[in-house]
Amino acid sequence: SFSSLQRLLEIAEGSEFLRLQVEGGGCSGFQYKFSLDTVISPDDRQGQRGVVGVRVFEQGGARVVVDADSLAFVKGSVVDFSQELIRSSFQVVSNPQAEKGCSCGTSFSVKF
């Protein structure tokens, strides 16, 4: 989204990009993890399940990197930046792979 693009350009320095990962945990089974990074590692390129290929999404000079394992859980999603009174954060919205999510916005369960 435009708000995530704008915020990422404000905070990223040099070759930094936004890394989006999916980890087990949270109240719905899986959770999103966002971090700034500068290195695409060999582990990104081939995931634990033998899936090959890291995805780099770039728009207007801002980059989002999704590792091979996480891509299956977020394919078709939109990354947004939300500013509220209690927090400001990147969030995954409109995830077609998620069956339901938690009210916190960081946890989800997948469709089978």
PDB file of N, CA and C in Angstrom:
ATOM      1  N   SER A   1       0.833  -1.176   0.000  1.00  0.00           N
ATOM      2  CA  SER A   1       0.000   0.000   0.000  1.00  0.00           C
ATOM      3  C   SER A   1       0.883   1.247   0.000  1.00  0.00           C
ATOM      4  N   PHE A   2       0.284   2.370  -0.303  1.00  0.00           N
ATOM      5  CA  PHE A   2       1.037   3.620  -0.354  1.00  0.00           C
ATOM      6  C   PHE A   2       1.607   3.986   1.011  1.00  0.00           C
ATOM      7  N   SER A   3       0.847   3.759   2.081  1.00  0.00           N
ATOM      8  CA  SER A   3       1.326   4.121   3.413  1.00  0.00           C
ATOM      9  C   SER A   3       2.542   3.284   3.819  1.00  0.00           C
ATOM     10  N   SER A   4       2.581   2.006   3.451  1.00  0.00           N
ATOM     11  CA  SER A   4       3.748   1.183   3.791  1.00  0.00           C
ATOM     12  C   SER A   4       4.949   1.581   2.945  1.00  0.00           C
ATOM     13  N   LEU A   5       4.729   1.903   1.687  1.00  0.00           N
ATOM     14  CA  LEU A   5       5.802   2.363   0.812  1.00  0.00           C
ATOM     15  C   LEU A   5       6.410   3.646   1.369  1.00  0.00           C
ATOM     16  N   GLN A   6       5.570   4.587   1.731  1.00  0.00           N
ATOM     17  CA  GLN A   6       6.028   5.867   2.255  1.00  0.00           C
ATOM     18  C   GLN A   6       6.810   5.684   3.559  1.00  0.00           C
ATOM     19  N   ARG A   7       6.286   4.883   4.495  1.00  0.00           N
ATOM     20  CA  ARG A   7       6.958   4.682   5.775  1.00  0.00           C
ATOM     21  C   ARG A   7       8.286   3.949   5.604  1.00  0.00           C
ATOM     22  N   LEU A   8       8.325   2.950   4.727  1.00  0.00           N
ATOM     23  CA  LEU A   8       9.557   2.205   4.497  1.00  0.00           C
ATOM     24  C   LEU A   8      10.648   3.107   3.924  1.00  0.00           C
ATOM     25  N   LEU A   9      10.285   3.994   3.020  1.00  0.00           N
ATOM     26  CA  LEU A   9      11.263   4.933   2.466  1.00  0.00           C
ATOM     27  C   LEU A   9      11.782   5.885   3.543  1.00  0.00           C
ATOM     28  N   GLU A  10      10.957   6.203   4.534  1.00  0.00           N
ATOM     29  CA  GLU A  10      11.369   7.096   5.626  1.00  0.00           C
ATOM     30  C   GLU A  10      12.371   6.427   6.569  1.00  0.00           C
ATOM     31  N   ILE A  11      12.194   5.129   6.852  1.00  0.00           N
ATOM     32  CA  ILE A  11      13.003   4.482   7.890  1.00  0.00           C
ATOM     33  C   ILE A  11      14.176   3.669   7.369  1.00  0.00           C
ATOM     34  N   ALA A  12      14.112   3.206   6.128  1.00  0.00           N
ATOM     35  CA  ALA A  12      15.187   2.367   5.584  1.00  0.00           C
ATOM     36  C   ALA A  12      16.391   3.234   5.219  1.00  0.00           C
ATOM     37  N   GLU A  13      17.568   2.753   5.591  1.00  0.00           N
ATOM     38  CA  GLU A  13      18.809   3.462   5.292  1.00  0.00           C
ATOM     39  C   GLU A  13      19.664   2.618   4.354  1.00  0.00           C
ATOM     40  N   GLY A  14      20.226   3.252   3.345  1.00  0.00           N
ATOM     41  CA  GLY A  14      21.125   2.555   2.427  1.00  0.00           C
ATOM     42  C   GLY A  14      20.455   1.384   1.744  1.00  0.00           C
ATOM     43  N   SER A  15      21.012   0.195   1.939  1.00  0.00           N
ATOM     44  CA  SER A  15      20.509  -1.003   1.257  1.00  0.00           C
ATOM     45  C   SER A  15      19.480  -1.772   2.093  1.00  0.00           C
ATOM     46  N   GLU A  16      18.963  -1.166   3.170  1.00  0.00           N
ATOM     47  CA  GLU A  16      17.991  -1.867   4.022  1.00  0.00           C
ATOM     48  C   GLU A  16      16.690  -2.135   3.272  1.00  0.00           C
ATOM     49  N   PHE A  17      16.080  -3.260   3.614  1.00  0.00           N
ATOM     50  CA  PHE A  17      14.776  -3.625   3.077  1.00  0.00           C
ATOM     51  C   PHE A  17      13.920  -4.160   4.218  1.00  0.00           C
ATOM     52  N   LEU A  18      12.625  -4.249   3.978  1.00  0.00           N
ATOM     53  CA  LEU A  18      11.708  -4.807   4.959  1.00  0.00           C
ATOM     54  C   LEU A  18      11.599  -6.303   4.721  1.00  0.00           C
ATOM     55  N   ARG A  19      11.881  -7.070   5.751  1.00  0.00           N
ATOM     56  CA  ARG A  19      11.770  -8.526   5.668  1.00  0.00           C
ATOM     57  C   ARG A  19      10.446  -8.946   6.301  1.00  0.00           C
ATOM     58  N   LEU A  20       9.673  -9.742   5.574  1.00  0.00           N
ATOM     59  CA  LEU A  20       8.430 -10.311   6.084  1.00  0.00           C
ATOM     60  C   LEU A  20       8.611 -11.808   6.221  1.00  0.00           C
ATOM     61  N   GLN A  21       8.402 -12.313   7.447  1.00  0.00           N
ATOM     62  CA  GLN A  21       8.507 -13.748   7.717  1.00  0.00           C
ATOM     63  C   GLN A  21       7.231 -14.225   8.387  1.00  0.00           C
ATOM     64  N   VAL A  22       6.954 -15.501   8.229  1.00  0.00           N
ATOM     65  CA  VAL A  22       5.853 -16.150   8.937  1.00  0.00           C
ATOM     66  C   VAL A  22       6.472 -17.190   9.855  1.00  0.00           C
ATOM     67  N   GLU A  23       6.076 -17.136  11.131  1.00  0.00           N
ATOM     68  CA  GLU A  23       6.581 -18.073  12.128  1.00  0.00           C
ATOM     69  C   GLU A  23       5.412 -18.777  12.789  1.00  0.00           C
ATOM     70  N   GLY A  24       5.671 -19.964  13.308  1.00  0.00           N
ATOM     71  CA  GLY A  24       4.667 -20.651  14.110  1.00  0.00           C
ATOM     72  C   GLY A  24       4.496 -19.913  15.422  1.00  0.00           C
ATOM     73  N   GLY A  25       3.259 -19.827  15.896  1.00  0.00           N
ATOM     74  CA  GLY A  25       3.012 -19.160  17.172  1.00  0.00           C
ATOM     75  C   GLY A  25       1.827 -18.231  17.095  1.00  0.00           C
ATOM     76  N   GLY A  26       1.686 -17.416  18.112  1.00  0.00           N
ATOM     77  CA  GLY A  26       0.544 -16.512  18.171  1.00  0.00           C
ATOM     78  C   GLY A  26      -0.702 -17.267  18.593  1.00  0.00           C
ATOM     79  N   CYS A  27      -1.789 -16.557  18.734  1.00  0.00           N
ATOM     80  CA  CYS A  27      -3.009 -17.185  19.241  1.00  0.00           C
ATOM     81  C   CYS A  27      -3.783 -17.943  18.165  1.00  0.00           C
ATOM     82  N   SER A  28      -3.401 -17.792  16.883  1.00  0.00           N
ATOM     83  CA  SER A  28      -4.117 -18.494  15.814  1.00  0.00           C
ATOM     84  C   SER A  28      -3.267 -19.520  15.089  1.00  0.00           C
ATOM     85  N   GLY A  29      -2.022 -19.726  15.511  1.00  0.00           N
ATOM     86  CA  GLY A  29      -1.186 -20.761  14.906  1.00  0.00           C
ATOM     87  C   GLY A  29       0.038 -20.243  14.180  1.00  0.00           C
ATOM     88  N   PHE A  30      -0.094 -19.113  13.479  1.00  0.00           N
ATOM     89  CA  PHE A  30       1.022 -18.500  12.757  1.00  0.00           C
ATOM     90  C   PHE A  30       1.023 -17.012  13.051  1.00  0.00           C
ATOM     91  N   GLN A  31       2.208 -16.409  12.934  1.00  0.00           N
ATOM     92  CA  GLN A  31       2.280 -14.974  13.148  1.00  0.00           C
ATOM     93  C   GLN A  31       3.240 -14.338  12.155  1.00  0.00           C
ATOM     94  N   TYR A  32       2.957 -13.072  11.826  1.00  0.00           N
ATOM     95  CA  TYR A  32       3.804 -12.300  10.931  1.00  0.00           C
ATOM     96  C   TYR A  32       4.937 -11.665  11.732  1.00  0.00           C
ATOM     97  N   LYS A  33       6.111 -11.598  11.126  1.00  0.00           N
ATOM     98  CA  LYS A  33       7.247 -10.928  11.753  1.00  0.00           C
ATOM     99  C   LYS A  33       7.866  -9.985  10.720  1.00  0.00           C
ATOM    100  N   PHE A  34       8.013  -8.733  11.092  1.00  0.00           N
ATOM    101  CA  PHE A  34       8.618  -7.724  10.226  1.00  0.00           C
ATOM    102  C   PHE A  34       9.932  -7.266  10.842  1.00  0.00           C
ATOM    103  N   SER A  35      10.946  -7.065  10.007  1.00  0.00           N
ATOM    104  CA  SER A  35      12.222  -6.522  10.472  1.00  0.00           C
ATOM    105  C   SER A  35      12.928  -5.839   9.306  1.00  0.00           C
ATOM    106  N   LEU A  36      13.836  -4.933   9.632  1.00  0.00           N
ATOM    107  CA  LEU A  36      14.692  -4.334   8.617  1.00  0.00           C
ATOM    108  C   LEU A  36      15.943  -5.188   8.503  1.00  0.00           C
ATOM    109  N   ASP A  37      16.417  -5.395   7.281  1.00  0.00           N
ATOM    110  CA  ASP A  37      17.568  -6.253   7.052  1.00  0.00           C
ATOM    111  C   ASP A  37      18.356  -5.696   5.871  1.00  0.00           C
ATOM    112  N   THR A  38      19.575  -6.200   5.688  1.00  0.00           N
ATOM    113  CA  THR A  38      20.402  -5.783   4.554  1.00  0.00           C
ATOM    114  C   THR A  38      20.929  -6.956   3.742  1.00  0.00           C
ATOM    115  N   VAL A  39      20.732  -8.186   4.232  1.00  0.00           N
ATOM    116  CA  VAL A  39      21.338  -9.357   3.590  1.00  0.00           C
ATOM    117  C   VAL A  39      20.270 -10.381   3.220  1.00  0.00           C
ATOM    118  N   ILE A  40      20.315 -10.822   1.974  1.00  0.00           N
ATOM    119  CA  ILE A  40      19.488 -11.958   1.549  1.00  0.00           C
ATOM    120  C   ILE A  40      20.386 -13.180   1.675  1.00  0.00           C
ATOM    121  N   SER A  41      20.047 -14.064   2.602  1.00  0.00           N
ATOM    122  CA  SER A  41      20.906 -15.201   2.920  1.00  0.00           C
ATOM    123  C   SER A  41      20.571 -16.416   2.058  1.00  0.00           C
ATOM    124  N   PRO A  42      21.487 -17.391   2.004  1.00  0.00           N
ATOM    125  CA  PRO A  42      21.211 -18.628   1.267  1.00  0.00           C
ATOM    126  C   PRO A  42      19.964 -19.349   1.801  1.00  0.00           C
ATOM    127  N   ASP A  43      19.685 -19.237   3.107  1.00  0.00           N
ATOM    128  CA  ASP A  43      18.488 -19.862   3.675  1.00  0.00           C
ATOM    129  C   ASP A  43      17.207 -19.262   3.106  1.00  0.00           C
ATOM    130  N   ASP A  44      17.263 -17.988   2.713  1.00  0.00           N
ATOM    131  CA  ASP A  44      16.098 -17.351   2.100  1.00  0.00           C
ATOM    132  C   ASP A  44      15.774 -17.998   0.765  1.00  0.00           C
ATOM    133  N   ARG A  45      16.821 -18.373   0.057  1.00  0.00           N
ATOM    134  CA  ARG A  45      16.644 -18.868  -1.310  1.00  0.00           C
ATOM    135  C   ARG A  45      16.101 -20.295  -1.367  1.00  0.00           C
ATOM    136  N   GLN A  46      16.404 -21.109  -0.376  1.00  0.00           N
ATOM    137  CA  GLN A  46      15.860 -22.465  -0.338  1.00  0.00           C
ATOM    138  C   GLN A  46      15.351 -22.740   1.062  1.00  0.00           C
ATOM    139  N   GLY A  47      14.063 -22.888   1.166  1.00  0.00           N
ATOM    140  CA  GLY A  47      13.434 -23.075   2.462  1.00  0.00           C
ATOM    141  C   GLY A  47      13.568 -24.490   2.989  1.00  0.00           C
ATOM    142  N   GLN A  48      13.063 -24.701   4.179  1.00  0.00           N
ATOM    143  CA  GLN A  48      13.161 -25.995   4.850  1.00  0.00           C
ATOM    144  C   GLN A  48      12.409 -27.092   4.106  1.00  0.00           C
ATOM    145  N   ARG A  49      11.369 -26.720   3.406  1.00  0.00           N
ATOM    146  CA  ARG A  49      10.575 -27.727   2.691  1.00  0.00           C
ATOM    147  C   ARG A  49      11.089 -27.951   1.266  1.00  0.00           C
ATOM    148  N   GLY A  50      12.308 -27.444   0.985  1.00  0.00           N
ATOM    149  CA  GLY A  50      12.886 -27.655  -0.335  1.00  0.00           C
ATOM    150  C   GLY A  50      12.383 -26.678  -1.382  1.00  0.00           C
ATOM    151  N   VAL A  51      11.570 -25.701  -0.986  1.00  0.00           N
ATOM    152  CA  VAL A  51      11.059 -24.697  -1.913  1.00  0.00           C
ATOM    153  C   VAL A  51      12.201 -23.756  -2.260  1.00  0.00           C
ATOM    154  N   VAL A  52      12.402 -23.508  -3.532  1.00  0.00           N
ATOM    155  CA  VAL A  52      13.491 -22.648  -3.970  1.00  0.00           C
ATOM    156  C   VAL A  52      12.923 -21.309  -4.414  1.00  0.00           C
ATOM    157  N   GLY A  53      13.569 -20.225  -4.003  1.00  0.00           N
ATOM    158  CA  GLY A  53      13.210 -18.906  -4.514  1.00  0.00           C
ATOM    159  C   GLY A  53      12.778 -17.920  -3.455  1.00  0.00           C
ATOM    160  N   VAL A  54      13.562 -16.884  -3.285  1.00  0.00           N
ATOM    161  CA  VAL A  54      13.199 -15.768  -2.430  1.00  0.00           C
ATOM    162  C   VAL A  54      12.492 -14.748  -3.329  1.00  0.00           C
ATOM    163  N   ARG A  55      11.526 -14.056  -2.783  1.00  0.00           N
ATOM    164  CA  ARG A  55      10.819 -13.045  -3.567  1.00  0.00           C
ATOM    165  C   ARG A  55      11.201 -11.672  -3.059  1.00  0.00           C
ATOM    166  N   VAL A  56      11.607 -10.811  -3.961  1.00  0.00           N
ATOM    167  CA  VAL A  56      11.898  -9.423  -3.657  1.00  0.00           C
ATOM    168  C   VAL A  56      10.872  -8.578  -4.393  1.00  0.00           C
ATOM    169  N   PHE A  57      10.078  -7.855  -3.637  1.00  0.00           N
ATOM    170  CA  PHE A  57       9.068  -6.973  -4.205  1.00  0.00           C
ATOM    171  C   PHE A  57       9.592  -5.550  -4.074  1.00  0.00           C
ATOM    172  N   GLU A  58       9.644  -4.821  -5.177  1.00  0.00           N
ATOM    173  CA  GLU A  58      10.211  -3.482  -5.158  1.00  0.00           C
ATOM    174  C   GLU A  58       9.262  -2.506  -5.833  1.00  0.00           C
ATOM    175  N   GLN A  59       9.103  -1.350  -5.179  1.00  0.00           N
ATOM    176  CA  GLN A  59       8.269  -0.300  -5.756  1.00  0.00           C
ATOM    177  C   GLN A  59       8.787   1.047  -5.260  1.00  0.00           C
ATOM    178  N   GLY A  60       9.071   1.930  -6.164  1.00  0.00           N
ATOM    179  CA  GLY A  60       9.488   3.277  -5.800  1.00  0.00           C
ATOM    180  C   GLY A  60      10.742   3.338  -4.962  1.00  0.00           C
ATOM    181  N   GLY A  61      11.624   2.338  -5.069  1.00  0.00           N
ATOM    182  CA  GLY A  61      12.859   2.315  -4.307  1.00  0.00           C
ATOM    183  C   GLY A  61      12.763   1.584  -2.979  1.00  0.00           C
ATOM    184  N   ALA A  62      11.567   1.200  -2.565  1.00  0.00           N
ATOM    185  CA  ALA A  62      11.383   0.433  -1.326  1.00  0.00           C
ATOM    186  C   ALA A  62      11.296  -1.043  -1.681  1.00  0.00           C
ATOM    187  N   ARG A  63      11.938  -1.891  -0.830  1.00  0.00           N
ATOM    188  CA  ARG A  63      11.941  -3.330  -1.109  1.00  0.00           C
ATOM    189  C   ARG A  63      11.378  -4.110   0.075  1.00  0.00           C
ATOM    190  N   VAL A  64      10.605  -5.149  -0.257  1.00  0.00           N
ATOM    191  CA  VAL A  64      10.108  -6.110   0.730  1.00  0.00           C
ATOM    192  C   VAL A  64      10.593  -7.481   0.283  1.00  0.00           C
ATOM    193  N   VAL A  65      11.229  -8.215   1.204  1.00  0.00           N
ATOM    194  CA  VAL A  65      11.758  -9.544   0.906  1.00  0.00           C
ATOM    195  C   VAL A  65      10.977 -10.576   1.707  1.00  0.00           C
ATOM    196  N   VAL A  66      10.541 -11.640   1.013  1.00  0.00           N
ATOM    197  CA  VAL A  66       9.823 -12.749   1.647  1.00  0.00           C
ATOM    198  C   VAL A  66      10.588 -14.026   1.345  1.00  0.00           C
ATOM    199  N   ASP A  67      10.976 -14.764   2.396  1.00  0.00           N
ATOM    200  CA  ASP A  67      11.731 -15.996   2.189  1.00  0.00           C
ATOM    201  C   ASP A  67      10.843 -17.083   1.590  1.00  0.00           C
ATOM    202  N   ALA A  68      11.476 -18.116   1.077  1.00  0.00           N
ATOM    203  CA  ALA A  68      10.772 -19.186   0.364  1.00  0.00           C
ATOM    204  C   ALA A  68       9.710 -19.871   1.218  1.00  0.00           C
ATOM    205  N   ASP A  69      10.005 -20.133   2.494  1.00  0.00           N
ATOM    206  CA  ASP A  69       9.033 -20.815   3.358  1.00  0.00           C
ATOM    207  C   ASP A  69       7.819 -19.945   3.658  1.00  0.00           C
ATOM    208  N   SER A  70       8.052 -18.652   3.851  1.00  0.00           N
ATOM    209  CA  SER A  70       6.957 -17.751   4.226  1.00  0.00           C
ATOM    210  C   SER A  70       6.057 -17.396   3.049  1.00  0.00           C
ATOM    211  N   LEU A  71       6.596 -17.443   1.847  1.00  0.00           N
ATOM    212  CA  LEU A  71       5.845 -17.001   0.670  1.00  0.00           C
ATOM    213  C   LEU A  71       4.516 -17.734   0.506  1.00  0.00           C
ATOM    214  N   ALA A  72       4.497 -19.022   0.761  1.00  0.00           N
ATOM    215  CA  ALA A  72       3.259 -19.792   0.604  1.00  0.00           C
ATOM    216  C   ALA A  72       2.152 -19.296   1.540  1.00  0.00           C
ATOM    217  N   PHE A  73       2.534 -18.718   2.680  1.00  0.00           N
ATOM    218  CA  PHE A  73       1.565 -18.251   3.669  1.00  0.00           C
ATOM    219  C   PHE A  73       1.057 -16.841   3.405  1.00  0.00           C
ATOM    220  N   VAL A  74       1.754 -16.076   2.553  1.00  0.00           N
ATOM    221  CA  VAL A  74       1.361 -14.680   2.327  1.00  0.00           C
ATOM    222  C   VAL A  74       1.135 -14.337   0.855  1.00  0.00           C
ATOM    223  N   LYS A  75       1.188 -15.313  -0.013  1.00  0.00           N
ATOM    224  CA  LYS A  75       1.027 -15.058  -1.446  1.00  0.00           C
ATOM    225  C   LYS A  75      -0.304 -14.353  -1.712  1.00  0.00           C
ATOM    226  N   GLY A  76      -0.233 -13.224  -2.404  1.00  0.00           N
ATOM    227  CA  GLY A  76      -1.426 -12.453  -2.735  1.00  0.00           C
ATOM    228  C   GLY A  76      -1.825 -11.429  -1.682  1.00  0.00           C
ATOM    229  N   SER A  77      -1.034 -11.318  -0.621  1.00  0.00           N
ATOM    230  CA  SER A  77      -1.354 -10.386   0.471  1.00  0.00           C
ATOM    231  C   SER A  77      -0.884  -8.969   0.153  1.00  0.00           C
ATOM    232  N   VAL A  78      -1.358  -8.034   0.962  1.00  0.00           N
ATOM    233  CA  VAL A  78      -0.953  -6.634   0.870  1.00  0.00           C
ATOM    234  C   VAL A  78      -0.317  -6.247   2.198  1.00  0.00           C
ATOM    235  N   VAL A  79       0.833  -5.566   2.131  1.00  0.00           N
ATOM    236  CA  VAL A  79       1.478  -5.042   3.333  1.00  0.00           C
ATOM    237  C   VAL A  79       1.058  -3.584   3.487  1.00  0.00           C
ATOM    238  N   ASP A  80       0.621  -3.231   4.689  1.00  0.00           N
ATOM    239  CA  ASP A  80       0.163  -1.880   4.983  1.00  0.00           C
ATOM    240  C   ASP A  80       0.910  -1.361   6.200  1.00  0.00           C
ATOM    241  N   PHE A  81       0.923  -0.046   6.378  1.00  0.00           N
ATOM    242  CA  PHE A  81       1.472   0.559   7.586  1.00  0.00           C
ATOM    243  C   PHE A  81       0.332   1.259   8.296  1.00  0.00           C
ATOM    244  N   SER A  82       0.152   0.923   9.554  1.00  0.00           N
ATOM    245  CA  SER A  82      -0.961   1.453  10.335  1.00  0.00           C
ATOM    246  C   SER A  82      -0.433   2.280  11.501  1.00  0.00           C
ATOM    247  N   GLN A  83      -0.998   3.472  11.683  1.00  0.00           N
ATOM    248  CA  GLN A  83      -0.666   4.318  12.828  1.00  0.00           C
ATOM    249  C   GLN A  83      -1.916   4.490  13.672  1.00  0.00           C
ATOM    250  N   GLU A  84      -1.821   4.031  14.911  1.00  0.00           N
ATOM    251  CA  GLU A  84      -2.926   4.153  15.857  1.00  0.00           C
ATOM    252  C   GLU A  84      -2.397   4.799  17.126  1.00  0.00           C
ATOM    253  N   LEU A  85      -3.272   5.122  18.021  1.00  0.00           N
ATOM    254  CA  LEU A  85      -2.845   5.748  19.273  1.00  0.00           C
ATOM    255  C   LEU A  85      -1.917   4.850  20.081  1.00  0.00           C
ATOM    256  N   ILE A  86      -2.182   3.540  20.070  1.00  0.00           N
ATOM    257  CA  ILE A  86      -1.402   2.634  20.915  1.00  0.00           C
ATOM    258  C   ILE A  86      -0.201   2.007  20.216  1.00  0.00           C
ATOM    259  N   ARG A  87      -0.159   2.044  18.883  1.00  0.00           N
ATOM    260  CA  ARG A  87       0.992   1.477  18.176  1.00  0.00           C
ATOM    261  C   ARG A  87       1.015   1.922  16.713  1.00  0.00           C
ATOM    262  N   SER A  88       2.191   1.817  16.152  1.00  0.00           N
ATOM    263  CA  SER A  88       2.404   2.021  14.722  1.00  0.00           C
ATOM    264  C   SER A  88       3.160   0.805  14.229  1.00  0.00           C
ATOM    265  N   SER A  89       2.678   0.194  13.143  1.00  0.00           N
ATOM    266  CA  SER A  89       3.332  -1.037  12.699  1.00  0.00           C
ATOM    267  C   SER A  89       2.987  -1.375  11.258  1.00  0.00           C
ATOM    268  N   PHE A  90       3.879  -2.174  10.662  1.00  0.00           N
ATOM    269  CA  PHE A  90       3.559  -2.784   9.379  1.00  0.00           C
ATOM    270  C   PHE A  90       2.620  -3.947   9.668  1.00  0.00           C
ATOM    271  N   GLN A  91       1.670  -4.182   8.772  1.00  0.00           N
ATOM    272  CA  GLN A  91       0.704  -5.258   8.945  1.00  0.00           C
ATOM    273  C   GLN A  91       0.409  -5.910   7.604  1.00  0.00           C
ATOM    274  N   VAL A  92       0.060  -7.182   7.645  1.00  0.00           N
ATOM    275  CA  VAL A  92      -0.416  -7.873   6.454  1.00  0.00           C
ATOM    276  C   VAL A  92      -1.936  -7.761   6.458  1.00  0.00           C
ATOM    277  N   VAL A  93      -2.472  -7.261   5.370  1.00  0.00           N
ATOM    278  CA  VAL A  93      -3.928  -7.133   5.234  1.00  0.00           C
ATOM    279  C   VAL A  93      -4.373  -7.906   3.992  1.00  0.00           C
ATOM    280  N   SER A  94      -5.584  -8.324   3.983  1.00  0.00           N
ATOM    281  CA  SER A  94      -6.158  -9.036   2.829  1.00  0.00           C
ATOM    282  C   SER A  94      -5.315 -10.239   2.426  1.00  0.00           C
ATOM    283  N   ASN A  95      -5.033 -11.126   3.371  1.00  0.00           N
ATOM    284  CA  ASN A  95      -4.257 -12.325   3.072  1.00  0.00           C
ATOM    285  C   ASN A  95      -5.198 -13.428   2.598  1.00  0.00           C
ATOM    286  N   PRO A  96      -5.155 -13.771   1.308  1.00  0.00           N
ATOM    287  CA  PRO A  96      -6.055 -14.807   0.793  1.00  0.00           C
ATOM    288  C   PRO A  96      -5.722 -16.210   1.302  1.00  0.00           C
ATOM    289  N   GLN A  97      -4.529 -16.393   1.904  1.00  0.00           N
ATOM    290  CA  GLN A  97      -4.135 -17.698   2.441  1.00  0.00           C
ATOM    291  C   GLN A  97      -4.625 -17.903   3.874  1.00  0.00           C
ATOM    292  N   ALA A  98      -5.113 -16.838   4.519  1.00  0.00           N
ATOM    293  CA  ALA A  98      -5.538 -16.911   5.921  1.00  0.00           C
ATOM    294  C   ALA A  98      -7.023 -17.239   6.021  1.00  0.00           C
ATOM    295  N   GLU A  99      -7.326 -18.198   6.876  1.00  0.00           N
ATOM    296  CA  GLU A  99      -8.724 -18.557   7.117  1.00  0.00           C
ATOM    297  C   GLU A  99      -9.354 -17.568   8.081  1.00  0.00           C
ATOM    298  N   LYS A 100      -8.628 -17.271   9.145  1.00  0.00           N
ATOM    299  CA  LYS A 100      -9.089 -16.269  10.102  1.00  0.00           C
ATOM    300  C   LYS A 100      -7.878 -15.659  10.778  1.00  0.00           C
ATOM    301  N   GLY A 101      -8.081 -14.495  11.357  1.00  0.00           N
ATOM    302  CA  GLY A 101      -7.000 -13.809  12.039  1.00  0.00           C
ATOM    303  C   GLY A 101      -7.410 -13.429  13.446  1.00  0.00           C
ATOM    304  N   CYS A 102      -6.451 -12.985  14.189  1.00  0.00           N
ATOM    305  CA  CYS A 102      -6.670 -12.551  15.555  1.00  0.00           C
ATOM    306  C   CYS A 102      -6.938 -11.050  15.555  1.00  0.00           C
ATOM    307  N   SER A 103      -7.567 -10.560  16.578  1.00  0.00           N
ATOM    308  CA  SER A 103      -7.857  -9.132  16.655  1.00  0.00           C
ATOM    309  C   SER A 103      -6.599  -8.283  16.730  1.00  0.00           C
ATOM    310  N   CYS A 104      -5.483  -8.883  17.146  1.00  0.00           N
ATOM    311  CA  CYS A 104      -4.217  -8.139  17.220  1.00  0.00           C
ATOM    312  C   CYS A 104      -3.668  -7.839  15.826  1.00  0.00           C
ATOM    313  N   GLY A 105      -4.079  -8.597  14.810  1.00  0.00           N
ATOM    314  CA  GLY A 105      -3.630  -8.368  13.451  1.00  0.00           C
ATOM    315  C   GLY A 105      -2.303  -9.017  13.108  1.00  0.00           C
ATOM    316  N   THR A 106      -1.669  -9.709  14.043  1.00  0.00           N
ATOM    317  CA  THR A 106      -0.372 -10.326  13.750  1.00  0.00           C
ATOM    318  C   THR A 106      -0.437 -11.835  13.693  1.00  0.00           C
ATOM    319  N   SER A 107      -1.540 -12.426  14.082  1.00  0.00           N
ATOM    320  CA  SER A 107      -1.670 -13.870  14.148  1.00  0.00           C
ATOM    321  C   SER A 107      -2.787 -14.336  13.216  1.00  0.00           C
ATOM    322  N   PHE A 108      -2.609 -15.514  12.618  1.00  0.00           N
ATOM    323  CA  PHE A 108      -3.620 -16.015  11.675  1.00  0.00           C
ATOM    324  C   PHE A 108      -3.550 -17.536  11.587  1.00  0.00           C
ATOM    325  N   SER A 109      -4.613 -18.123  11.077  1.00  0.00           N
ATOM    326  CA  SER A 109      -4.611 -19.557  10.754  1.00  0.00           C
ATOM    327  C   SER A 109      -4.758 -19.683   9.246  1.00  0.00           C
ATOM    328  N   VAL A 110      -4.234 -20.768   8.689  1.00  0.00           N
ATOM    329  CA  VAL A 110      -4.221 -20.931   7.234  1.00  0.00           C
ATOM    330  C   VAL A 110      -5.381 -21.804   6.757  1.00  0.00           C
ATOM    331  N   LYS A 111      -5.736 -21.583   5.489  1.00  0.00           N
ATOM    332  CA  LYS A 111      -6.758 -22.418   4.855  1.00  0.00           C
ATOM    333  C   LYS A 111      -6.121 -23.727   4.442  1.00  0.00           C
ATOM    334  N   PHE A 112      -6.883 -24.794   4.514  1.00  0.00           N
ATOM    335  CA  PHE A 112      -6.378 -26.093   4.066  1.00  0.00           C
ATOM    336  C   PHE A 112      -7.029 -26.515   2.807  1.00  0.00           C
TER     337      PHE A 112
END
